[in-house]
Amino acid sequence: MIYLQGSSSIHPDKDLLFENISFSINNSERNALIGNNEVGKATLLQRIAGKRQAFEGPLKAETKPYHIPKIFGQFNLSDNSSNAGN
């Protein structure tokens, strides 16, 4: 289980990314984090994985969460469709 309560984070340029976020995720649950670009999703995931300190708010995890960093550039299967079977 992951438990986050009252977490807030400020970007290095002093912009508030998120404030007073609280939630829990059970081990058997799957969740999605959806939002606009550059609003703090990756920062929140880094916080959960223990790679970034929050401005405030405790984090408890029964197991160590794993963070997969952003990968810039996407692989598109349709780009290779003309090469299929060659």
PDB file of N, CA and C in Angstrom:
ATOM      1  N   MET A   1       0.842  -1.180   0.000  1.00  0.00           N
ATOM      2  CA  MET A   1       0.000   0.000   0.000  1.00  0.00           C
ATOM      3  C   MET A   1       0.887   1.243   0.000  1.00  0.00           C
ATOM      4  N   ILE A   2       0.455   2.225  -0.739  1.00  0.00           N
ATOM      5  CA  ILE A   2       1.105   3.536  -0.739  1.00  0.00           C
ATOM      6  C   ILE A   2       0.115   4.523  -0.147  1.00  0.00           C
ATOM      7  N   TYR A   3       0.594   5.331   0.772  1.00  0.00           N
ATOM      8  CA  TYR A   3      -0.257   6.299   1.452  1.00  0.00           C
ATOM      9  C   TYR A   3       0.435   7.653   1.441  1.00  0.00           C
ATOM     10  N   LEU A   4      -0.223   8.639   0.876  1.00  0.00           N
ATOM     11  CA  LEU A   4       0.312   9.994   0.801  1.00  0.00           C
ATOM     12  C   LEU A   4      -0.728  10.926   1.413  1.00  0.00           C
ATOM     13  N   GLN A   5      -0.291  11.800   2.295  1.00  0.00           N
ATOM     14  CA  GLN A   5      -1.249  12.692   2.941  1.00  0.00           C
ATOM     15  C   GLN A   5      -0.743  14.132   2.950  1.00  0.00           C
ATOM     16  N   GLY A   6      -1.543  15.026   2.432  1.00  0.00           N
ATOM     17  CA  GLY A   6      -1.260  16.453   2.494  1.00  0.00           C
ATOM     18  C   GLY A   6       0.033  16.862   1.829  1.00  0.00           C
ATOM     19  N   SER A   7       0.404  16.187   0.745  1.00  0.00           N
ATOM     20  CA  SER A   7       1.672  16.470   0.084  1.00  0.00           C
ATOM     21  C   SER A   7       1.562  17.713  -0.799  1.00  0.00           C
ATOM     22  N   SER A   8       2.597  18.519  -0.757  1.00  0.00           N
ATOM     23  CA  SER A   8       2.697  19.712  -1.599  1.00  0.00           C
ATOM     24  C   SER A   8       4.105  19.768  -2.165  1.00  0.00           C
ATOM     25  N   SER A   9       4.247  20.368  -3.342  1.00  0.00           N
ATOM     26  CA  SER A   9       5.565  20.493  -3.943  1.00  0.00           C
ATOM     27  C   SER A   9       5.664  21.803  -4.702  1.00  0.00           C
ATOM     28  N   ILE A  10       6.837  22.415  -4.612  1.00  0.00           N
ATOM     29  CA  ILE A  10       7.110  23.672  -5.293  1.00  0.00           C
ATOM     30  C   ILE A  10       8.236  23.440  -6.296  1.00  0.00           C
ATOM     31  N   HIS A  11       8.047  23.909  -7.512  1.00  0.00           N
ATOM     32  CA  HIS A  11       9.058  23.809  -8.557  1.00  0.00           C
ATOM     33  C   HIS A  11      10.255  24.681  -8.171  1.00  0.00           C
ATOM     34  N   PRO A  12      11.476  24.343  -8.629  1.00  0.00           N
ATOM     35  CA  PRO A  12      12.638  25.175  -8.305  1.00  0.00           C
ATOM     36  C   PRO A  12      12.481  26.654  -8.664  1.00  0.00           C
ATOM     37  N   ASP A  13      11.633  26.954  -9.678  1.00  0.00           N
ATOM     38  CA  ASP A  13      11.413  28.366 -10.012  1.00  0.00           C
ATOM     39  C   ASP A  13      10.351  29.010  -9.117  1.00  0.00           C
ATOM     40  N   LYS A  14       9.967  28.279  -8.062  1.00  0.00           N
ATOM     41  CA  LYS A  14       9.038  28.748  -7.016  1.00  0.00           C
ATOM     42  C   LYS A  14       7.563  28.640  -7.376  1.00  0.00           C
ATOM     43  N   ASP A  15       7.209  28.047  -8.534  1.00  0.00           N
ATOM     44  CA  ASP A  15       5.803  27.825  -8.858  1.00  0.00           C
ATOM     45  C   ASP A  15       5.281  26.643  -8.045  1.00  0.00           C
ATOM     46  N   LEU A  16       4.072  26.750  -7.538  1.00  0.00           N
ATOM     47  CA  LEU A  16       3.438  25.652  -6.810  1.00  0.00           C
ATOM     48  C   LEU A  16       2.977  24.614  -7.817  1.00  0.00           C
ATOM     49  N   LEU A  17       3.460  23.371  -7.688  1.00  0.00           N
ATOM     50  CA  LEU A  17       3.061  22.303  -8.610  1.00  0.00           C
ATOM     51  C   LEU A  17       1.785  21.624  -8.149  1.00  0.00           C
ATOM     52  N   PHE A  18       1.732  21.250  -6.881  1.00  0.00           N
ATOM     53  CA  PHE A  18       0.522  20.683  -6.314  1.00  0.00           C
ATOM     54  C   PHE A  18       0.500  20.973  -4.826  1.00  0.00           C
ATOM     55  N   GLU A  19      -0.708  20.987  -4.281  1.00  0.00           N
ATOM     56  CA  GLU A  19      -0.863  21.360  -2.883  1.00  0.00           C
ATOM     57  C   GLU A  19      -1.891  20.466  -2.216  1.00  0.00           C
ATOM     58  N   ASN A  20      -1.528  19.959  -1.054  1.00  0.00           N
ATOM     59  CA  ASN A  20      -2.432  19.200  -0.189  1.00  0.00           C
ATOM     60  C   ASN A  20      -3.058  17.996  -0.901  1.00  0.00           C
ATOM     61  N   ILE A  21      -2.237  17.208  -1.607  1.00  0.00           N
ATOM     62  CA  ILE A  21      -2.714  15.997  -2.273  1.00  0.00           C
ATOM     63  C   ILE A  21      -2.671  14.842  -1.271  1.00  0.00           C
ATOM     64  N   SER A  22      -3.772  14.117  -1.179  1.00  0.00           N
ATOM     65  CA  SER A  22      -3.854  12.954  -0.290  1.00  0.00           C
ATOM     66  C   SER A  22      -4.516  11.808  -1.041  1.00  0.00           C
ATOM     67  N   PHE A  23      -3.952  10.605  -0.921  1.00  0.00           N
ATOM     68  CA  PHE A  23      -4.573   9.415  -1.491  1.00  0.00           C
ATOM     69  C   PHE A  23      -3.878   8.179  -0.938  1.00  0.00           C
ATOM     70  N   SER A  24      -4.515   7.032  -1.153  1.00  0.00           N
ATOM     71  CA  SER A  24      -3.887   5.747  -0.847  1.00  0.00           C
ATOM     72  C   SER A  24      -4.155   4.812  -2.017  1.00  0.00           C
ATOM     73  N   ILE A  25      -3.195   3.919  -2.261  1.00  0.00           N
ATOM     74  CA  ILE A  25      -3.308   2.932  -3.332  1.00  0.00           C
ATOM     75  C   ILE A  25      -2.993   1.570  -2.723  1.00  0.00           C
ATOM     76  N   ASN A  26      -3.932   0.649  -2.819  1.00  0.00           N
ATOM     77  CA  ASN A  26      -3.706  -0.703  -2.336  1.00  0.00           C
ATOM     78  C   ASN A  26      -2.837  -1.470  -3.325  1.00  0.00           C
ATOM     79  N   ASN A  27      -2.161  -2.499  -2.832  1.00  0.00           N
ATOM     80  CA  ASN A  27      -1.251  -3.275  -3.677  1.00  0.00           C
ATOM     81  C   ASN A  27      -1.930  -3.872  -4.902  1.00  0.00           C
ATOM     82  N   SER A  28      -3.184  -4.227  -4.810  1.00  0.00           N
ATOM     83  CA  SER A  28      -3.876  -4.877  -5.923  1.00  0.00           C
ATOM     84  C   SER A  28      -4.502  -3.880  -6.902  1.00  0.00           C
ATOM     85  N   GLU A  29      -4.420  -2.591  -6.620  1.00  0.00           N
ATOM     86  CA  GLU A  29      -5.044  -1.585  -7.473  1.00  0.00           C
ATOM     87  C   GLU A  29      -4.117  -1.137  -8.602  1.00  0.00           C
ATOM     88  N   ARG A  30      -4.737  -0.717  -9.689  1.00  0.00           N
ATOM     89  CA  ARG A  30      -4.020  -0.066 -10.789  1.00  0.00           C
ATOM     90  C   ARG A  30      -4.654   1.299 -10.961  1.00  0.00           C
ATOM     91  N   ASN A  31      -3.819   2.301 -11.125  1.00  0.00           N
ATOM     92  CA  ASN A  31      -4.301   3.674 -11.227  1.00  0.00           C
ATOM     93  C   ASN A  31      -3.623   4.383 -12.383  1.00  0.00           C
ATOM     94  N   ALA A  32      -4.254   5.437 -12.836  1.00  0.00           N
ATOM     95  CA  ALA A  32      -3.677   6.277 -13.890  1.00  0.00           C
ATOM     96  C   ALA A  32      -3.568   7.696 -13.363  1.00  0.00           C
ATOM     97  N   LEU A  33      -2.511   8.371 -13.767  1.00  0.00           N
ATOM     98  CA  LEU A  33      -2.300   9.766 -13.410  1.00  0.00           C
ATOM     99  C   LEU A  33      -2.392  10.564 -14.709  1.00  0.00           C
ATOM    100  N   ILE A  34      -3.460  11.334 -14.840  1.00  0.00           N
ATOM    101  CA  ILE A  34      -3.749  12.031 -16.086  1.00  0.00           C
ATOM    102  C   ILE A  34      -3.786  13.531 -15.818  1.00  0.00           C
ATOM    103  N   GLY A  35      -3.182  14.301 -16.721  1.00  0.00           N
ATOM    104  CA  GLY A  35      -3.224  15.751 -16.584  1.00  0.00           C
ATOM    105  C   GLY A  35      -2.487  16.422 -17.723  1.00  0.00           C
ATOM    106  N   ASN A  36      -2.594  17.729 -17.770  1.00  0.00           N
ATOM    107  CA  ASN A  36      -1.917  18.517 -18.795  1.00  0.00           C
ATOM    108  C   ASN A  36      -0.410  18.398 -18.647  1.00  0.00           C
ATOM    109  N   ASN A  37       0.308  18.776 -19.687  1.00  0.00           N
ATOM    110  CA  ASN A  37       1.767  18.791 -19.650  1.00  0.00           C
ATOM    111  C   ASN A  37       2.267  19.795 -18.624  1.00  0.00           C
ATOM    112  N   GLU A  38       3.363  19.442 -17.975  1.00  0.00           N
ATOM    113  CA  GLU A  38       4.083  20.339 -17.064  1.00  0.00           C
ATOM    114  C   GLU A  38       3.255  20.828 -15.874  1.00  0.00           C
ATOM    115  N   VAL A  39       2.420  19.940 -15.315  1.00  0.00           N
ATOM    116  CA  VAL A  39       1.634  20.339 -14.144  1.00  0.00           C
ATOM    117  C   VAL A  39       2.055  19.604 -12.870  1.00  0.00           C
ATOM    118  N   GLY A  40       3.065  18.720 -12.971  1.00  0.00           N
ATOM    119  CA  GLY A  40       3.579  18.067 -11.779  1.00  0.00           C
ATOM    120  C   GLY A  40       3.349  16.575 -11.690  1.00  0.00           C
ATOM    121  N   LYS A  41       2.881  15.924 -12.746  1.00  0.00           N
ATOM    122  CA  LYS A  41       2.655  14.476 -12.696  1.00  0.00           C
ATOM    123  C   LYS A  41       3.942  13.710 -12.428  1.00  0.00           C
ATOM    124  N   ALA A  42       4.994  14.009 -13.183  1.00  0.00           N
ATOM    125  CA  ALA A  42       6.277  13.321 -13.002  1.00  0.00           C
ATOM    126  C   ALA A  42       6.864  13.631 -11.628  1.00  0.00           C
ATOM    127  N   THR A  43       6.704  14.854 -11.178  1.00  0.00           N
ATOM    128  CA  THR A  43       7.193  15.229  -9.846  1.00  0.00           C
ATOM    129  C   THR A  43       6.478  14.421  -8.770  1.00  0.00           C
ATOM    130  N   LEU A  44       5.172  14.254  -8.907  1.00  0.00           N
ATOM    131  CA  LEU A  44       4.413  13.466  -7.943  1.00  0.00           C
ATOM    132  C   LEU A  44       4.874  12.012  -7.958  1.00  0.00           C
ATOM    133  N   LEU A  45       5.100  11.446  -9.135  1.00  0.00           N
ATOM    134  CA  LEU A  45       5.574  10.055  -9.217  1.00  0.00           C
ATOM    135  C   LEU A  45       6.973   9.907  -8.633  1.00  0.00           C
ATOM    136  N   GLN A  46       7.822  10.901  -8.865  1.00  0.00           N
ATOM    137  CA  GLN A  46       9.156  10.880  -8.263  1.00  0.00           C
ATOM    138  C   GLN A  46       9.055  10.968  -6.742  1.00  0.00           C
ATOM    139  N   ARG A  47       8.125  11.745  -6.256  1.00  0.00           N
ATOM    140  CA  ARG A  47       7.898  11.860  -4.811  1.00  0.00           C
ATOM    141  C   ARG A  47       7.482  10.510  -4.237  1.00  0.00           C
ATOM    142  N   ILE A  48       6.564   9.840  -4.904  1.00  0.00           N
ATOM    143  CA  ILE A  48       6.093   8.532  -4.438  1.00  0.00           C
ATOM    144  C   ILE A  48       7.236   7.526  -4.439  1.00  0.00           C
ATOM    145  N   ALA A  49       8.107   7.587  -5.434  1.00  0.00           N
ATOM    146  CA  ALA A  49       9.235   6.656  -5.537  1.00  0.00           C
ATOM    147  C   ALA A  49      10.387   7.028  -4.609  1.00  0.00           C
ATOM    148  N   GLY A  50      10.266   8.145  -3.899  1.00  0.00           N
ATOM    149  CA  GLY A  50      11.313   8.545  -2.961  1.00  0.00           C
ATOM    150  C   GLY A  50      12.489   9.244  -3.609  1.00  0.00           C
ATOM    151  N   LYS A  51      12.340   9.674  -4.848  1.00  0.00           N
ATOM    152  CA  LYS A  51      13.437  10.338  -5.562  1.00  0.00           C
ATOM    153  C   LYS A  51      13.391  11.853  -5.410  1.00  0.00           C
ATOM    154  N   ARG A  52      12.354  12.370  -4.798  1.00  0.00           N
ATOM    155  CA  ARG A  52      12.210  13.812  -4.629  1.00  0.00           C
ATOM    156  C   ARG A  52      11.487  14.073  -3.307  1.00  0.00           C
ATOM    157  N   GLN A  53      11.961  15.052  -2.585  1.00  0.00           N
ATOM    158  CA  GLN A  53      11.321  15.440  -1.325  1.00  0.00           C
ATOM    159  C   GLN A  53      10.143  16.358  -1.608  1.00  0.00           C
ATOM    160  N   ALA A  54       9.113  16.217  -0.830  1.00  0.00           N
ATOM    161  CA  ALA A  54       7.972  17.112  -0.933  1.00  0.00           C
ATOM    162  C   ALA A  54       8.218  18.325  -0.059  1.00  0.00           C
ATOM    163  N   PHE A  55       7.512  19.372  -0.345  1.00  0.00           N
ATOM    164  CA  PHE A  55       7.553  20.565   0.479  1.00  0.00           C
ATOM    165  C   PHE A  55       6.979  20.234   1.858  1.00  0.00           C
ATOM    166  N   GLU A  56       5.938  19.421   1.866  1.00  0.00           N
ATOM    167  CA  GLU A  56       5.338  18.966   3.122  1.00  0.00           C
ATOM    168  C   GLU A  56       4.512  17.714   2.864  1.00  0.00           C
ATOM    169  N   GLY A  57       4.167  17.006   3.921  1.00  0.00           N
ATOM    170  CA  GLY A  57       3.295  15.841   3.838  1.00  0.00           C
ATOM    171  C   GLY A  57       4.033  14.523   3.892  1.00  0.00           C
ATOM    172  N   PRO A  58       3.530  13.588   4.736  1.00  0.00           N
ATOM    173  CA  PRO A  58       4.178  12.278   4.865  1.00  0.00           C
ATOM    174  C   PRO A  58       3.838  11.328   3.718  1.00  0.00           C
ATOM    175  N   LEU A  59       4.752  10.403   3.476  1.00  0.00           N
ATOM    176  CA  LEU A  59       4.573   9.339   2.501  1.00  0.00           C
ATOM    177  C   LEU A  59       4.916   8.033   3.190  1.00  0.00           C
ATOM    178  N   LYS A  60       4.035   7.041   3.077  1.00  0.00           N
ATOM    179  CA  LYS A  60       4.304   5.715   3.620  1.00  0.00           C
ATOM    180  C   LYS A  60       4.082   4.704   2.501  1.00  0.00           C
ATOM    181  N   ALA A  61       4.995   3.753   2.394  1.00  0.00           N
ATOM    182  CA  ALA A  61       4.861   2.698   1.387  1.00  0.00           C
ATOM    183  C   ALA A  61       5.294   1.375   2.004  1.00  0.00           C
ATOM    184  N   GLU A  62       4.463   0.335   1.830  1.00  0.00           N
ATOM    185  CA  GLU A  62       4.800  -0.986   2.355  1.00  0.00           C
ATOM    186  C   GLU A  62       5.930  -1.627   1.556  1.00  0.00           C
ATOM    187  N   THR A  63       6.009  -1.307   0.286  1.00  0.00           N
ATOM    188  CA  THR A  63       7.094  -1.776  -0.562  1.00  0.00           C
ATOM    189  C   THR A  63       7.717  -0.564  -1.244  1.00  0.00           C
ATOM    190  N   LYS A  64       8.924  -0.727  -1.752  1.00  0.00           N
ATOM    191  CA  LYS A  64       9.596   0.394  -2.399  1.00  0.00           C
ATOM    192  C   LYS A  64       9.019   0.594  -3.803  1.00  0.00           C
ATOM    193  N   PRO A  65       8.360   1.728  -4.043  1.00  0.00           N
ATOM    194  CA  PRO A  65       7.837   2.002  -5.388  1.00  0.00           C
ATOM    195  C   PRO A  65       8.977   2.180  -6.377  1.00  0.00           C
ATOM    196  N   TYR A  66       8.729   1.803  -7.627  1.00  0.00           N
ATOM    197  CA  TYR A  66       9.724   1.915  -8.680  1.00  0.00           C
ATOM    198  C   TYR A  66       9.299   3.015  -9.635  1.00  0.00           C
ATOM    199  N   HIS A  67      10.222   3.877 -10.000  1.00  0.00           N
ATOM    200  CA  HIS A  67       9.933   4.993 -10.901  1.00  0.00           C
ATOM    201  C   HIS A  67      10.642   4.768 -12.225  1.00  0.00           C
ATOM    202  N   ILE A  68       9.889   4.822 -13.319  1.00  0.00           N
ATOM    203  CA  ILE A  68      10.462   4.755 -14.656  1.00  0.00           C
ATOM    204  C   ILE A  68      10.458   6.184 -15.184  1.00  0.00           C
ATOM    205  N   PRO A  69      11.620   6.745 -15.459  1.00  0.00           N
ATOM    206  CA  PRO A  69      11.680   8.144 -15.887  1.00  0.00           C
ATOM    207  C   PRO A  69      11.055   8.366 -17.261  1.00  0.00           C
ATOM    208  N   LYS A  70      10.754   9.620 -17.528  1.00  0.00           N
ATOM    209  CA  LYS A  70      10.200   9.997 -18.831  1.00  0.00           C
ATOM    210  C   LYS A  70      11.175   9.632 -19.934  1.00  0.00           C
ATOM    211  N   ILE A  71      10.628   9.191 -21.063  1.00  0.00           N
ATOM    212  CA  ILE A  71      11.428   8.929 -22.253  1.00  0.00           C
ATOM    213  C   ILE A  71      10.909   9.878 -23.327  1.00  0.00           C
ATOM    214  N   PHE A  72      11.789  10.728 -23.824  1.00  0.00           N
ATOM    215  CA  PHE A  72      11.370  11.675 -24.838  1.00  0.00           C
ATOM    216  C   PHE A  72      11.420  11.010 -26.199  1.00  0.00           C
ATOM    217  N   GLY A  73      10.395  11.264 -26.989  1.00  0.00           N
ATOM    218  CA  GLY A  73      10.270  10.627 -28.295  1.00  0.00           C
ATOM    219  C   GLY A  73       9.508   9.327 -28.129  1.00  0.00           C
ATOM    220  N   GLN A  74       8.573   9.093 -28.949  1.00  0.00           N
ATOM    221  CA  GLN A  74       7.738   7.907 -28.860  1.00  0.00           C
ATOM    222  C   GLN A  74       7.968   7.017 -30.068  1.00  0.00           C
ATOM    223  N   PHE A  75       7.911   5.717 -29.855  1.00  0.00           N
ATOM    224  CA  PHE A  75       7.989   4.759 -30.950  1.00  0.00           C
ATOM    225  C   PHE A  75       6.579   4.535 -31.461  1.00  0.00           C
ATOM    226  N   ASN A  76       6.385   4.677 -32.737  1.00  0.00           N
ATOM    227  CA  ASN A  76       5.073   4.527 -33.341  1.00  0.00           C
ATOM    228  C   ASN A  76       5.106   3.295 -34.237  1.00  0.00           C
ATOM    229  N   LEU A  77       4.301   2.294 -33.916  1.00  0.00           N
ATOM    230  CA  LEU A  77       4.300   1.053 -34.700  1.00  0.00           C
ATOM    231  C   LEU A  77       3.945   1.298 -36.156  1.00  0.00           C
ATOM    232  N   SER A  78       3.111   2.290 -36.434  1.00  0.00           N
ATOM    233  CA  SER A  78       2.719   2.532 -37.827  1.00  0.00           C
ATOM    234  C   SER A  78       3.898   3.032 -38.658  1.00  0.00           C
ATOM    235  N   ASP A  79       4.942   3.581 -38.008  1.00  0.00           N
ATOM    236  CA  ASP A  79       6.117   4.022 -38.746  1.00  0.00           C
ATOM    237  C   ASP A  79       6.836   2.851 -39.415  1.00  0.00           C
ATOM    238  N   ASN A  80       6.728   1.654 -38.851  1.00  0.00           N
ATOM    239  CA  ASN A  80       7.436   0.492 -39.368  1.00  0.00           C
ATOM    240  C   ASN A  80       6.518  -0.437 -40.172  1.00  0.00           C
ATOM    241  N   SER A  81       5.270  -0.047 -40.368  1.00  0.00           N
ATOM    242  CA  SER A  81       4.325  -0.946 -41.026  1.00  0.00           C
ATOM    243  C   SER A  81       4.721  -1.221 -42.484  1.00  0.00           C
ATOM    244  N   SER A  82       5.381  -0.269 -43.150  1.00  0.00           N
ATOM    245  CA  SER A  82       5.785  -0.500 -44.533  1.00  0.00           C
ATOM    246  C   SER A  82       6.933  -1.491 -44.637  1.00  0.00           C
ATOM    247  N   ASN A  83       7.641  -1.737 -43.522  1.00  0.00           N
ATOM    248  CA  ASN A  83       8.772  -2.662 -43.507  1.00  0.00           C
ATOM    249  C   ASN A  83       8.353  -4.067 -43.053  1.00  0.00           C
ATOM    250  N   ALA A  84       7.093  -4.214 -42.651  1.00  0.00           N
ATOM    251  CA  ALA A  84       6.637  -5.508 -42.125  1.00  0.00           C
ATOM    252  C   ALA A  84       6.699  -6.564 -43.218  1.00  0.00           C
ATOM    253  N   GLY A  85       7.271  -7.687 -42.884  1.00  0.00           N
ATOM    254  CA  GLY A  85       7.339  -8.804 -43.817  1.00  0.00           C
ATOM    255  C   GLY A  85       8.459  -8.694 -44.841  1.00  0.00           C
ATOM    256  N   ASN A  86       9.288  -7.684 -44.755  1.00  0.00           N
ATOM    257  CA  ASN A  86      10.396  -7.542 -45.726  1.00  0.00           C
ATOM    258  C   ASN A  86      11.635  -8.195 -45.238  1.00  0.00           C
TER     259      ASN A  86
END
